[in-house]
Amino acid sequence: MDSDKLYRVKREDLKKLEKLLTVCFAKDPLYCKLIPDEETRKRLMPELFQCDMTEFFETCEIFADSPEINSILVVSDESEPYNLIKYYFTEARAQLETDGYLIKEDPSLRTLHNFIMGKDYLNSRWTDQLHQEERLHIIYLAVDPEKQGHGYGGLLLEEAIAYAHAHRLMISLETHNEKNVALYQHFGFKLFGILERKPFDLKQYCMIREIQ
């Protein structure tokens, strides 16, 4: 994906992204279920997002509204070719680092167990059902809670939609917050399905925006 309106995040910005995501997802239903202890969650989430952003900087595209980074969009353009060896090496390294953080912050291994049991909530394997490689997948869309209501989220979404429209791509995403469903529907997304896995009382709303 490319955009003339958005700021392409640089490596030196990754620390800002980690802080932004930690604030945005502090009370997200997914992380509250996987890391139920609040103190463990506070310690662990910055480390998890540090790991995520390092991985996605190598394998995906990350945009912000501006260099101030009030909001971010992380996307994977499934229609573009990629280096398979580099992709799997980067993913495996990130997984090892994540497991290390989980064990360090909760030596009881309860949190690690939750992440293993909840792996289907942490990946986008549901998109295999779409049988569509001409697709843009939104991994993260986040707006600083103090800057919400100023159109940042809409700007990021509209740019992703404009790119998808110009290149005839489907868009897919998932959210674990039911309140977000109506927002995405406003931008032309429809609910593809709802994922629920035991032992978690949690729903993953899988959404798509068809090729226009």
N, C-alpha and C. Protein backbone atom coordinates (compact mmCIF):
# COMPACT_ATOMS: atom_id res chain seq x y z
N MET A 1 0.85 -1.20 0.00
CA MET A 1 0.00 0.00 0.00
C MET A 1 0.88 1.25 0.00
N ASP A 2 0.41 2.30 -0.65
CA ASP A 2 1.08 3.58 -0.58
C ASP A 2 0.03 4.68 -0.42
N SER A 3 0.48 5.83 0.03
CA SER A 3 -0.45 6.94 0.26
C SER A 3 0.31 8.25 0.21
N ASP A 4 -0.28 9.26 -0.46
CA ASP A 4 0.30 10.59 -0.50
C ASP A 4 -0.12 11.43 0.70
N LYS A 5 -1.14 10.98 1.42
CA LYS A 5 -1.70 11.78 2.52
C LYS A 5 -1.18 11.34 3.89
N LEU A 6 -0.78 10.08 3.99
CA LEU A 6 -0.37 9.55 5.29
C LEU A 6 1.14 9.58 5.47
N TYR A 7 1.56 9.54 6.71
CA TYR A 7 2.97 9.51 7.06
C TYR A 7 3.43 8.06 7.17
N ARG A 8 4.48 7.71 6.41
CA ARG A 8 5.02 6.36 6.46
C ARG A 8 5.95 6.27 7.68
N VAL A 9 5.61 5.40 8.60
CA VAL A 9 6.34 5.28 9.86
C VAL A 9 7.77 4.82 9.62
N LYS A 10 8.71 5.41 10.36
CA LYS A 10 10.12 5.06 10.27
C LYS A 10 10.53 4.22 11.48
N ARG A 11 11.67 3.58 11.36
CA ARG A 11 12.13 2.71 12.44
C ARG A 11 12.27 3.49 13.76
N GLU A 12 12.71 4.73 13.67
CA GLU A 12 12.89 5.51 14.90
C GLU A 12 11.56 5.88 15.56
N ASP A 13 10.45 5.63 14.87
CA ASP A 13 9.13 5.92 15.44
C ASP A 13 8.55 4.75 16.24
N LEU A 14 9.20 3.61 16.21
CA LEU A 14 8.59 2.40 16.77
C LEU A 14 8.28 2.54 18.26
N LYS A 15 9.10 3.27 19.00
CA LYS A 15 8.83 3.46 20.43
C LYS A 15 7.53 4.21 20.64
N LYS A 16 7.24 5.19 19.78
CA LYS A 16 5.97 5.92 19.85
C LYS A 16 4.79 4.98 19.59
N LEU A 17 4.97 4.08 18.63
CA LEU A 17 3.89 3.14 18.30
C LEU A 17 3.59 2.23 19.48
N GLU A 18 4.66 1.76 20.12
CA GLU A 18 4.50 0.88 21.29
C GLU A 18 3.68 1.57 22.36
N LYS A 19 3.99 2.84 22.64
CA LYS A 19 3.27 3.58 23.67
C LYS A 19 1.82 3.82 23.27
N LEU A 20 1.59 4.16 22.00
CA LEU A 20 0.24 4.42 21.52
C LEU A 20 -0.63 3.17 21.62
N LEU A 21 -0.11 2.04 21.16
CA LEU A 21 -0.89 0.81 21.19
C LEU A 21 -1.17 0.35 22.62
N THR A 22 -0.20 0.55 23.51
CA THR A 22 -0.40 0.17 24.91
C THR A 22 -1.58 0.95 25.51
N VAL A 23 -1.66 2.24 25.21
CA VAL A 23 -2.76 3.06 25.71
C VAL A 23 -4.08 2.65 25.05
N CYS A 24 -4.05 2.45 23.74
CA CYS A 24 -5.28 2.15 22.99
C CYS A 24 -5.90 0.81 23.37
N PHE A 25 -5.05 -0.18 23.69
CA PHE A 25 -5.56 -1.53 23.92
C PHE A 25 -5.51 -1.94 25.39
N ALA A 26 -5.32 -0.97 26.28
CA ALA A 26 -5.21 -1.28 27.71
C ALA A 26 -6.43 -2.02 28.24
N LYS A 27 -7.61 -1.71 27.70
CA LYS A 27 -8.84 -2.35 28.17
C LYS A 27 -9.54 -3.11 27.05
N ASP A 28 -8.78 -3.48 26.04
CA ASP A 28 -9.34 -4.25 24.93
C ASP A 28 -9.79 -5.62 25.43
N PRO A 29 -10.97 -6.10 25.01
CA PRO A 29 -11.48 -7.39 25.49
C PRO A 29 -10.51 -8.55 25.29
N LEU A 30 -9.76 -8.55 24.18
CA LEU A 30 -8.82 -9.64 23.92
C LEU A 30 -7.74 -9.71 24.98
N TYR A 31 -7.09 -8.59 25.23
CA TYR A 31 -5.97 -8.60 26.18
C TYR A 31 -6.45 -8.77 27.62
N CYS A 32 -7.65 -8.30 27.91
CA CYS A 32 -8.20 -8.50 29.26
C CYS A 32 -8.50 -9.98 29.51
N LYS A 33 -8.85 -10.71 28.47
CA LYS A 33 -9.10 -12.15 28.62
C LYS A 33 -7.80 -12.94 28.68
N LEU A 34 -6.85 -12.58 27.82
CA LEU A 34 -5.60 -13.34 27.77
C LEU A 34 -4.69 -13.03 28.95
N ILE A 35 -4.76 -11.79 29.44
CA ILE A 35 -3.93 -11.38 30.59
C ILE A 35 -4.86 -10.79 31.65
N PRO A 36 -5.60 -11.62 32.35
CA PRO A 36 -6.62 -11.12 33.28
C PRO A 36 -6.07 -10.32 34.46
N ASP A 37 -4.84 -10.59 34.87
CA ASP A 37 -4.27 -9.84 35.99
C ASP A 37 -3.81 -8.47 35.49
N GLU A 38 -4.38 -7.42 36.09
CA GLU A 38 -4.12 -6.06 35.59
C GLU A 38 -2.65 -5.66 35.69
N GLU A 39 -1.99 -6.00 36.78
CA GLU A 39 -0.59 -5.62 36.95
C GLU A 39 0.31 -6.33 35.94
N THR A 40 0.02 -7.61 35.70
CA THR A 40 0.78 -8.34 34.69
C THR A 40 0.54 -7.73 33.31
N ARG A 41 -0.69 -7.33 33.05
CA ARG A 41 -1.04 -6.73 31.76
C ARG A 41 -0.28 -5.42 31.55
N LYS A 42 -0.18 -4.60 32.59
CA LYS A 42 0.54 -3.33 32.48
C LYS A 42 2.01 -3.55 32.15
N ARG A 43 2.61 -4.56 32.76
CA ARG A 43 4.02 -4.85 32.51
C ARG A 43 4.24 -5.46 31.13
N LEU A 44 3.31 -6.29 30.72
CA LEU A 44 3.51 -7.13 29.54
C LEU A 44 3.16 -6.44 28.22
N MET A 45 2.12 -5.63 28.22
CA MET A 45 1.64 -5.09 26.94
C MET A 45 2.68 -4.25 26.19
N PRO A 46 3.45 -3.37 26.86
CA PRO A 46 4.48 -2.64 26.10
C PRO A 46 5.49 -3.58 25.43
N GLU A 47 5.84 -4.66 26.11
CA GLU A 47 6.79 -5.61 25.54
C GLU A 47 6.18 -6.34 24.34
N LEU A 48 4.92 -6.70 24.45
CA LEU A 48 4.25 -7.39 23.34
C LEU A 48 4.15 -6.49 22.12
N PHE A 49 3.79 -5.23 22.33
CA PHE A 49 3.66 -4.32 21.19
C PHE A 49 5.03 -3.95 20.62
N GLN A 50 6.04 -3.91 21.45
CA GLN A 50 7.40 -3.70 20.94
C GLN A 50 7.76 -4.83 19.98
N CYS A 51 7.45 -6.04 20.37
CA CYS A 51 7.73 -7.21 19.54
C CYS A 51 6.91 -7.17 18.25
N ASP A 52 5.62 -6.84 18.38
CA ASP A 52 4.74 -6.76 17.22
C ASP A 52 5.24 -5.73 16.21
N MET A 53 5.55 -4.53 16.69
CA MET A 53 5.94 -3.45 15.79
C MET A 53 7.27 -3.74 15.10
N THR A 54 8.18 -4.38 15.81
CA THR A 54 9.46 -4.76 15.20
C THR A 54 9.22 -5.75 14.07
N GLU A 55 8.33 -6.72 14.31
CA GLU A 55 8.00 -7.70 13.27
C GLU A 55 7.28 -7.05 12.10
N PHE A 56 6.25 -6.25 12.38
CA PHE A 56 5.44 -5.68 11.30
C PHE A 56 6.19 -4.62 10.50
N PHE A 57 7.18 -3.98 11.12
CA PHE A 57 7.98 -3.03 10.36
C PHE A 57 8.74 -3.74 9.24
N GLU A 58 9.08 -5.00 9.47
CA GLU A 58 9.82 -5.78 8.48
C GLU A 58 8.90 -6.43 7.45
N THR A 59 7.67 -6.77 7.84
CA THR A 59 6.82 -7.60 6.97
C THR A 59 5.57 -6.90 6.45
N CYS A 60 5.22 -5.75 7.01
CA CYS A 60 3.98 -5.07 6.63
C CYS A 60 4.25 -3.60 6.33
N GLU A 61 3.18 -2.81 6.23
CA GLU A 61 3.31 -1.38 6.03
C GLU A 61 2.62 -0.67 7.18
N ILE A 62 3.27 0.35 7.73
CA ILE A 62 2.75 1.06 8.88
C ILE A 62 2.65 2.55 8.53
N PHE A 63 1.45 3.09 8.70
CA PHE A 63 1.20 4.50 8.41
C PHE A 63 0.65 5.20 9.65
N ALA A 64 0.86 6.51 9.71
CA ALA A 64 0.28 7.33 10.76
C ALA A 64 -0.34 8.56 10.10
N ASP A 65 -1.14 9.29 10.88
CA ASP A 65 -1.77 10.49 10.35
C ASP A 65 -0.74 11.58 10.05
N SER A 66 0.36 11.59 10.84
CA SER A 66 1.40 12.61 10.71
C SER A 66 2.61 12.16 11.52
N PRO A 67 3.73 12.89 11.47
CA PRO A 67 4.89 12.53 12.30
C PRO A 67 4.58 12.58 13.79
N GLU A 68 3.52 13.30 14.19
CA GLU A 68 3.13 13.33 15.61
C GLU A 68 2.55 11.98 16.06
N ILE A 69 2.07 11.20 15.12
CA ILE A 69 1.52 9.85 15.36
C ILE A 69 0.41 9.87 16.41
N ASN A 70 -0.71 10.48 16.03
CA ASN A 70 -1.91 10.44 16.85
C ASN A 70 -2.71 9.17 16.59
N SER A 71 -2.43 8.51 15.47
CA SER A 71 -3.14 7.30 15.09
C SER A 71 -2.27 6.50 14.14
N ILE A 72 -2.49 5.19 14.11
CA ILE A 72 -1.69 4.35 13.21
C ILE A 72 -2.55 3.32 12.49
N LEU A 73 -2.06 2.93 11.34
CA LEU A 73 -2.67 1.90 10.52
C LEU A 73 -1.58 0.91 10.12
N VAL A 74 -1.76 -0.36 10.46
CA VAL A 74 -0.83 -1.42 10.07
C VAL A 74 -1.56 -2.33 9.10
N VAL A 75 -1.02 -2.46 7.89
CA VAL A 75 -1.69 -3.25 6.85
C VAL A 75 -0.73 -4.24 6.21
N SER A 76 -1.31 -5.31 5.72
CA SER A 76 -0.57 -6.30 4.94
C SER A 76 -1.25 -6.42 3.58
N ASP A 77 -0.50 -6.11 2.52
CA ASP A 77 -1.04 -6.21 1.16
C ASP A 77 -0.78 -7.63 0.66
N GLU A 78 -1.82 -8.45 0.73
CA GLU A 78 -1.67 -9.85 0.36
C GLU A 78 -1.46 -10.05 -1.13
N SER A 79 -1.70 -9.02 -1.92
CA SER A 79 -1.53 -9.14 -3.37
C SER A 79 -0.07 -8.95 -3.80
N GLU A 80 0.77 -8.43 -2.90
CA GLU A 80 2.15 -8.18 -3.25
C GLU A 80 3.03 -9.39 -2.97
N PRO A 81 4.03 -9.66 -3.80
CA PRO A 81 4.95 -10.77 -3.54
C PRO A 81 5.80 -10.47 -2.32
N TYR A 82 6.23 -11.52 -1.61
CA TYR A 82 7.09 -11.31 -0.46
C TYR A 82 8.08 -12.45 -0.35
N ASN A 83 9.14 -12.20 0.41
CA ASN A 83 10.21 -13.18 0.62
C ASN A 83 9.75 -14.17 1.68
N LEU A 84 9.42 -15.39 1.27
CA LEU A 84 8.84 -16.37 2.18
C LEU A 84 9.79 -16.72 3.32
N ILE A 85 11.07 -16.88 3.01
CA ILE A 85 12.05 -17.25 4.05
C ILE A 85 12.17 -16.12 5.08
N LYS A 86 12.28 -14.89 4.60
CA LYS A 86 12.38 -13.74 5.51
C LYS A 86 11.12 -13.63 6.37
N TYR A 87 9.95 -13.84 5.75
CA TYR A 87 8.69 -13.72 6.47
C TYR A 87 8.61 -14.72 7.62
N TYR A 88 8.90 -16.00 7.34
CA TYR A 88 8.79 -17.01 8.38
C TYR A 88 9.89 -16.88 9.44
N PHE A 89 11.07 -16.44 9.02
CA PHE A 89 12.14 -16.21 10.00
C PHE A 89 11.76 -15.09 10.95
N THR A 90 11.22 -14.00 10.41
CA THR A 90 10.82 -12.86 11.24
C THR A 90 9.69 -13.25 12.17
N GLU A 91 8.73 -14.02 11.65
CA GLU A 91 7.60 -14.47 12.47
C GLU A 91 8.05 -15.39 13.59
N ALA A 92 8.96 -16.32 13.28
CA ALA A 92 9.45 -17.26 14.30
C ALA A 92 10.24 -16.53 15.38
N ARG A 93 11.05 -15.56 14.98
CA ARG A 93 11.82 -14.79 15.95
C ARG A 93 10.89 -14.00 16.87
N ALA A 94 9.84 -13.41 16.30
CA ALA A 94 8.88 -12.66 17.10
C ALA A 94 8.15 -13.56 18.08
N GLN A 95 7.82 -14.78 17.64
CA GLN A 95 7.13 -15.72 18.52
C GLN A 95 8.00 -16.11 19.71
N LEU A 96 9.26 -16.36 19.45
CA LEU A 96 10.19 -16.71 20.54
C LEU A 96 10.33 -15.56 21.54
N GLU A 97 10.42 -14.35 21.02
CA GLU A 97 10.53 -13.18 21.91
C GLU A 97 9.26 -13.00 22.73
N THR A 98 8.11 -13.19 22.08
CA THR A 98 6.83 -13.06 22.78
C THR A 98 6.73 -14.08 23.90
N ASP A 99 7.06 -15.34 23.61
CA ASP A 99 7.00 -16.38 24.64
C ASP A 99 7.94 -16.05 25.79
N GLY A 100 9.10 -15.48 25.48
CA GLY A 100 10.04 -15.10 26.53
C GLY A 100 9.45 -14.03 27.45
N TYR A 101 8.77 -13.05 26.86
CA TYR A 101 8.13 -12.00 27.66
C TYR A 101 7.03 -12.59 28.54
N LEU A 102 6.23 -13.50 27.97
CA LEU A 102 5.13 -14.10 28.72
C LEU A 102 5.63 -14.86 29.94
N ILE A 103 6.71 -15.59 29.75
CA ILE A 103 7.27 -16.38 30.86
C ILE A 103 7.93 -15.47 31.89
N LYS A 104 8.62 -14.44 31.42
CA LYS A 104 9.31 -13.52 32.35
C LYS A 104 8.31 -12.79 33.24
N GLU A 105 7.21 -12.30 32.64
CA GLU A 105 6.27 -11.49 33.40
C GLU A 105 5.27 -12.33 34.21
N ASP A 106 5.13 -13.60 33.87
CA ASP A 106 4.24 -14.47 34.65
C ASP A 106 4.87 -15.87 34.71
N PRO A 107 5.79 -16.07 35.64
CA PRO A 107 6.49 -17.37 35.75
C PRO A 107 5.56 -18.54 36.06
N SER A 108 4.32 -18.26 36.47
CA SER A 108 3.36 -19.35 36.72
C SER A 108 2.95 -20.04 35.42
N LEU A 109 3.24 -19.40 34.29
CA LEU A 109 2.93 -19.90 32.94
C LEU A 109 1.44 -19.83 32.60
N ARG A 110 0.63 -19.23 33.47
CA ARG A 110 -0.80 -19.11 33.18
C ARG A 110 -1.03 -18.23 31.94
N THR A 111 -0.28 -17.14 31.86
CA THR A 111 -0.46 -16.24 30.71
C THR A 111 0.00 -16.92 29.42
N LEU A 112 1.13 -17.62 29.48
CA LEU A 112 1.59 -18.37 28.30
C LEU A 112 0.54 -19.38 27.87
N HIS A 113 -0.05 -20.06 28.85
CA HIS A 113 -1.10 -21.04 28.55
C HIS A 113 -2.29 -20.36 27.86
N ASN A 114 -2.68 -19.18 28.36
CA ASN A 114 -3.79 -18.45 27.75
C ASN A 114 -3.49 -18.09 26.30
N PHE A 115 -2.26 -17.67 26.04
CA PHE A 115 -1.90 -17.29 24.67
C PHE A 115 -1.89 -18.51 23.74
N ILE A 116 -1.48 -19.64 24.26
CA ILE A 116 -1.50 -20.86 23.45
C ILE A 116 -2.95 -21.28 23.15
N MET A 117 -3.79 -21.25 24.19
CA MET A 117 -5.19 -21.64 24.02
C MET A 117 -5.95 -20.63 23.15
N GLY A 118 -5.52 -19.37 23.19
CA GLY A 118 -6.22 -18.33 22.45
C GLY A 118 -5.55 -17.95 21.14
N LYS A 119 -4.74 -18.84 20.59
CA LYS A 119 -3.97 -18.51 19.39
C LYS A 119 -4.85 -18.12 18.21
N ASP A 120 -6.06 -18.70 18.13
CA ASP A 120 -6.94 -18.37 17.01
C ASP A 120 -7.43 -16.93 17.06
N TYR A 121 -7.41 -16.33 18.25
CA TYR A 121 -7.78 -14.93 18.38
C TYR A 121 -6.62 -14.01 18.00
N LEU A 122 -5.41 -14.55 17.97
CA LEU A 122 -4.21 -13.75 17.77
C LEU A 122 -3.68 -13.80 16.34
N ASN A 123 -4.33 -14.57 15.51
CA ASN A 123 -3.91 -14.63 14.12
C ASN A 123 -5.10 -14.30 13.22
N SER A 124 -4.87 -14.30 11.94
CA SER A 124 -5.94 -13.98 10.98
C SER A 124 -6.20 -15.17 10.06
N ARG A 125 -6.11 -16.37 10.63
CA ARG A 125 -6.27 -17.56 9.78
C ARG A 125 -7.69 -17.71 9.23
N TRP A 126 -8.63 -17.01 9.84
CA TRP A 126 -10.00 -17.06 9.31
C TRP A 126 -10.05 -16.56 7.87
N THR A 127 -9.06 -15.72 7.47
CA THR A 127 -9.07 -15.17 6.11
C THR A 127 -8.80 -16.25 5.06
N ASP A 128 -8.30 -17.41 5.48
CA ASP A 128 -8.11 -18.51 4.52
C ASP A 128 -9.44 -18.89 3.88
N GLN A 129 -10.53 -18.69 4.61
CA GLN A 129 -11.85 -19.03 4.10
C GLN A 129 -12.28 -18.12 2.95
N LEU A 130 -11.62 -16.98 2.82
CA LEU A 130 -12.00 -16.02 1.78
C LEU A 130 -11.53 -16.45 0.40
N HIS A 131 -10.46 -17.28 0.35
CA HIS A 131 -9.88 -17.73 -0.92
C HIS A 131 -9.64 -16.53 -1.85
N GLN A 132 -9.10 -15.48 -1.26
CA GLN A 132 -8.91 -14.24 -2.01
C GLN A 132 -7.54 -13.66 -1.67
N GLU A 133 -6.60 -13.74 -2.64
CA GLU A 133 -5.27 -13.19 -2.43
C GLU A 133 -5.19 -11.72 -2.82
N GLU A 134 -6.15 -11.25 -3.62
CA GLU A 134 -6.19 -9.84 -3.98
C GLU A 134 -6.87 -9.09 -2.84
N ARG A 135 -6.09 -8.88 -1.76
CA ARG A 135 -6.72 -8.43 -0.52
C ARG A 135 -5.74 -7.61 0.31
N LEU A 136 -6.28 -6.61 0.97
CA LEU A 136 -5.55 -5.80 1.93
C LEU A 136 -6.08 -6.16 3.31
N HIS A 137 -5.18 -6.55 4.22
CA HIS A 137 -5.63 -6.92 5.57
C HIS A 137 -5.18 -5.86 6.57
N ILE A 138 -6.13 -5.32 7.32
CA ILE A 138 -5.84 -4.34 8.35
C ILE A 138 -5.54 -5.08 9.65
N ILE A 139 -4.30 -4.96 10.11
CA ILE A 139 -3.87 -5.64 11.33
C ILE A 139 -4.16 -4.79 12.56
N TYR A 140 -3.81 -3.53 12.49
CA TYR A 140 -4.09 -2.59 13.58
C TYR A 140 -4.64 -1.29 13.01
N LEU A 141 -5.66 -0.77 13.63
CA LEU A 141 -6.13 0.59 13.41
C LEU A 141 -6.35 1.16 14.80
N ALA A 142 -5.57 2.15 15.19
CA ALA A 142 -5.64 2.65 16.56
C ALA A 142 -5.50 4.16 16.58
N VAL A 143 -6.30 4.80 17.43
CA VAL A 143 -6.28 6.25 17.60
C VAL A 143 -6.07 6.55 19.08
N ASP A 144 -5.16 7.45 19.37
CA ASP A 144 -4.93 7.89 20.75
C ASP A 144 -6.27 8.28 21.37
N PRO A 145 -6.65 7.69 22.52
CA PRO A 145 -7.94 7.99 23.13
C PRO A 145 -8.17 9.48 23.35
N GLU A 146 -7.11 10.25 23.60
CA GLU A 146 -7.26 11.69 23.80
C GLU A 146 -7.49 12.45 22.50
N LYS A 147 -7.26 11.78 21.35
CA LYS A 147 -7.42 12.44 20.05
C LYS A 147 -8.61 11.88 19.27
N GLN A 148 -9.38 11.01 19.89
CA GLN A 148 -10.54 10.43 19.19
C GLN A 148 -11.60 11.51 18.97
N GLY A 149 -12.34 11.35 17.89
CA GLY A 149 -13.36 12.33 17.54
C GLY A 149 -12.86 13.45 16.66
N HIS A 150 -11.59 13.36 16.22
CA HIS A 150 -11.01 14.39 15.36
C HIS A 150 -10.81 13.90 13.93
N GLY A 151 -11.35 12.73 13.61
CA GLY A 151 -11.31 12.23 12.24
C GLY A 151 -10.07 11.46 11.85
N TYR A 152 -9.20 11.15 12.82
CA TYR A 152 -7.97 10.43 12.49
C TYR A 152 -8.25 9.02 11.99
N GLY A 153 -9.15 8.32 12.69
CA GLY A 153 -9.48 6.95 12.27
C GLY A 153 -10.10 6.93 10.89
N GLY A 154 -10.99 7.89 10.62
CA GLY A 154 -11.62 7.98 9.31
C GLY A 154 -10.61 8.25 8.21
N LEU A 155 -9.64 9.12 8.49
CA LEU A 155 -8.59 9.42 7.51
C LEU A 155 -7.82 8.17 7.13
N LEU A 156 -7.41 7.38 8.13
CA LEU A 156 -6.65 6.17 7.86
C LEU A 156 -7.48 5.15 7.08
N LEU A 157 -8.73 4.97 7.50
CA LEU A 157 -9.60 4.01 6.81
C LEU A 157 -9.87 4.44 5.38
N GLU A 158 -10.14 5.72 5.19
CA GLU A 158 -10.45 6.21 3.84
C GLU A 158 -9.27 6.03 2.90
N GLU A 159 -8.05 6.20 3.40
CA GLU A 159 -6.88 5.99 2.57
C GLU A 159 -6.71 4.52 2.20
N ALA A 160 -6.96 3.63 3.16
CA ALA A 160 -6.89 2.20 2.87
C ALA A 160 -7.95 1.81 1.85
N ILE A 161 -9.15 2.36 2.00
CA ILE A 161 -10.24 2.06 1.08
C ILE A 161 -9.94 2.60 -0.32
N ALA A 162 -9.39 3.82 -0.39
CA ALA A 162 -9.05 4.40 -1.69
C ALA A 162 -8.00 3.56 -2.42
N TYR A 163 -7.00 3.09 -1.66
CA TYR A 163 -5.97 2.25 -2.26
C TYR A 163 -6.57 0.93 -2.74
N ALA A 164 -7.41 0.32 -1.90
CA ALA A 164 -8.04 -0.95 -2.27
C ALA A 164 -8.92 -0.78 -3.50
N HIS A 165 -9.65 0.33 -3.57
CA HIS A 165 -10.51 0.59 -4.72
C HIS A 165 -9.68 0.75 -5.99
N ALA A 166 -8.58 1.51 -5.91
CA ALA A 166 -7.75 1.75 -7.09
C ALA A 166 -7.10 0.47 -7.60
N HIS A 167 -6.84 -0.49 -6.69
CA HIS A 167 -6.16 -1.72 -7.08
C HIS A 167 -7.09 -2.94 -7.06
N ARG A 168 -8.37 -2.68 -6.92
CA ARG A 168 -9.40 -3.72 -6.92
C ARG A 168 -9.06 -4.82 -5.91
N LEU A 169 -8.94 -4.42 -4.65
CA LEU A 169 -8.63 -5.34 -3.57
C LEU A 169 -9.78 -5.43 -2.58
N MET A 170 -10.03 -6.61 -2.07
CA MET A 170 -10.89 -6.77 -0.91
C MET A 170 -10.11 -6.26 0.31
N ILE A 171 -10.83 -5.84 1.35
CA ILE A 171 -10.19 -5.49 2.62
C ILE A 171 -10.76 -6.40 3.70
N SER A 172 -9.90 -6.90 4.56
CA SER A 172 -10.34 -7.74 5.67
C SER A 172 -9.76 -7.20 6.97
N LEU A 173 -10.44 -7.47 8.06
CA LEU A 173 -9.96 -7.08 9.39
C LEU A 173 -10.73 -7.86 10.43
N GLU A 174 -10.22 -7.85 11.67
CA GLU A 174 -10.97 -8.43 12.78
C GLU A 174 -10.90 -7.48 13.97
N THR A 175 -11.94 -7.52 14.78
CA THR A 175 -11.97 -6.73 16.00
C THR A 175 -12.60 -7.58 17.10
N HIS A 176 -12.19 -7.34 18.32
CA HIS A 176 -12.74 -8.07 19.46
C HIS A 176 -13.65 -7.17 20.29
N ASN A 177 -13.88 -6.00 19.79
CA ASN A 177 -14.73 -5.03 20.47
C ASN A 177 -16.01 -4.82 19.66
N GLU A 178 -17.12 -5.24 20.19
CA GLU A 178 -18.39 -5.17 19.46
C GLU A 178 -18.74 -3.74 19.05
N LYS A 179 -18.30 -2.76 19.84
CA LYS A 179 -18.61 -1.36 19.53
C LYS A 179 -17.97 -0.92 18.21
N ASN A 180 -16.92 -1.60 17.79
CA ASN A 180 -16.24 -1.21 16.55
C ASN A 180 -16.98 -1.68 15.30
N VAL A 181 -17.86 -2.66 15.45
CA VAL A 181 -18.53 -3.25 14.28
C VAL A 181 -19.32 -2.20 13.51
N ALA A 182 -20.10 -1.39 14.22
CA ALA A 182 -20.92 -0.37 13.55
C ALA A 182 -20.04 0.65 12.83
N LEU A 183 -18.89 0.99 13.43
CA LEU A 183 -17.97 1.94 12.79
C LEU A 183 -17.51 1.40 11.44
N TYR A 184 -17.08 0.16 11.42
CA TYR A 184 -16.60 -0.42 10.16
C TYR A 184 -17.74 -0.59 9.16
N GLN A 185 -18.91 -0.91 9.64
CA GLN A 185 -20.06 -1.02 8.73
C GLN A 185 -20.35 0.32 8.07
N HIS A 186 -20.14 1.41 8.80
CA HIS A 186 -20.34 2.74 8.25
C HIS A 186 -19.41 2.99 7.06
N PHE A 187 -18.26 2.34 7.06
CA PHE A 187 -17.29 2.49 5.97
C PHE A 187 -17.42 1.38 4.92
N GLY A 188 -18.53 0.67 4.94
CA GLY A 188 -18.80 -0.29 3.88
C GLY A 188 -18.38 -1.72 4.15
N PHE A 189 -17.94 -2.02 5.37
CA PHE A 189 -17.58 -3.39 5.72
C PHE A 189 -18.83 -4.16 6.12
N LYS A 190 -18.77 -5.47 5.93
CA LYS A 190 -19.86 -6.32 6.40
C LYS A 190 -19.28 -7.44 7.26
N LEU A 191 -20.11 -7.96 8.13
CA LEU A 191 -19.68 -9.01 9.04
C LEU A 191 -19.62 -10.33 8.29
N PHE A 192 -18.42 -10.91 8.22
CA PHE A 192 -18.25 -12.20 7.55
C PHE A 192 -18.57 -13.36 8.48
N GLY A 193 -18.21 -13.22 9.75
CA GLY A 193 -18.48 -14.27 10.72
C GLY A 193 -17.98 -13.86 12.09
N ILE A 194 -18.37 -14.64 13.08
CA ILE A 194 -17.95 -14.39 14.46
C ILE A 194 -17.25 -15.64 14.98
N LEU A 195 -16.01 -15.46 15.42
CA LEU A 195 -15.21 -16.57 15.93
C LEU A 195 -15.33 -16.63 17.45
N GLU A 196 -15.64 -17.80 17.98
CA GLU A 196 -15.68 -18.02 19.42
C GLU A 196 -14.97 -19.33 19.72
N ARG A 197 -14.03 -19.31 20.67
CA ARG A 197 -13.27 -20.49 21.02
C ARG A 197 -13.25 -20.67 22.54
N LYS A 198 -13.50 -21.88 22.98
CA LYS A 198 -13.38 -22.20 24.40
C LYS A 198 -11.90 -22.21 24.77
N PRO A 199 -11.56 -21.88 26.02
CA PRO A 199 -12.42 -21.61 27.17
C PRO A 199 -12.74 -20.14 27.35
N PHE A 200 -12.55 -19.31 26.31
CA PHE A 200 -12.70 -17.87 26.46
C PHE A 200 -14.12 -17.43 26.12
N ASP A 201 -14.66 -16.58 26.96
CA ASP A 201 -15.94 -15.94 26.68
C ASP A 201 -15.64 -14.67 25.89
N LEU A 202 -15.31 -14.86 24.61
CA LEU A 202 -14.81 -13.77 23.79
C LEU A 202 -15.22 -13.99 22.34
N LYS A 203 -15.59 -12.90 21.67
CA LYS A 203 -15.97 -12.98 20.27
C LYS A 203 -14.99 -12.18 19.41
N GLN A 204 -14.63 -12.78 18.29
CA GLN A 204 -13.81 -12.08 17.30
C GLN A 204 -14.71 -11.81 16.09
N TYR A 205 -14.90 -10.53 15.79
CA TYR A 205 -15.77 -10.14 14.69
C TYR A 205 -14.91 -10.01 13.43
N CYS A 206 -15.14 -10.89 12.48
CA CYS A 206 -14.37 -10.94 11.24
C CYS A 206 -15.14 -10.18 10.16
N MET A 207 -14.50 -9.19 9.57
CA MET A 207 -15.22 -8.30 8.65
C MET A 207 -14.48 -8.16 7.33
N ILE A 208 -15.25 -7.91 6.27
CA ILE A 208 -14.65 -7.73 4.95
C ILE A 208 -15.34 -6.56 4.24
N ARG A 209 -14.60 -5.98 3.33
CA ARG A 209 -15.15 -4.99 2.42
C ARG A 209 -14.88 -5.50 1.01
N GLU A 210 -15.94 -5.80 0.30
CA GLU A 210 -15.80 -6.44 -1.00
C GLU A 210 -15.09 -5.55 -2.01
N ILE A 211 -14.54 -6.18 -3.04
CA ILE A 211 -13.93 -5.45 -4.15
C ILE A 211 -15.00 -4.58 -4.81
N GLN A 212 -14.70 -3.32 -4.95
CA GLN A 212 -15.68 -2.38 -5.52
C GLN A 212 -15.42 -2.20 -7.02
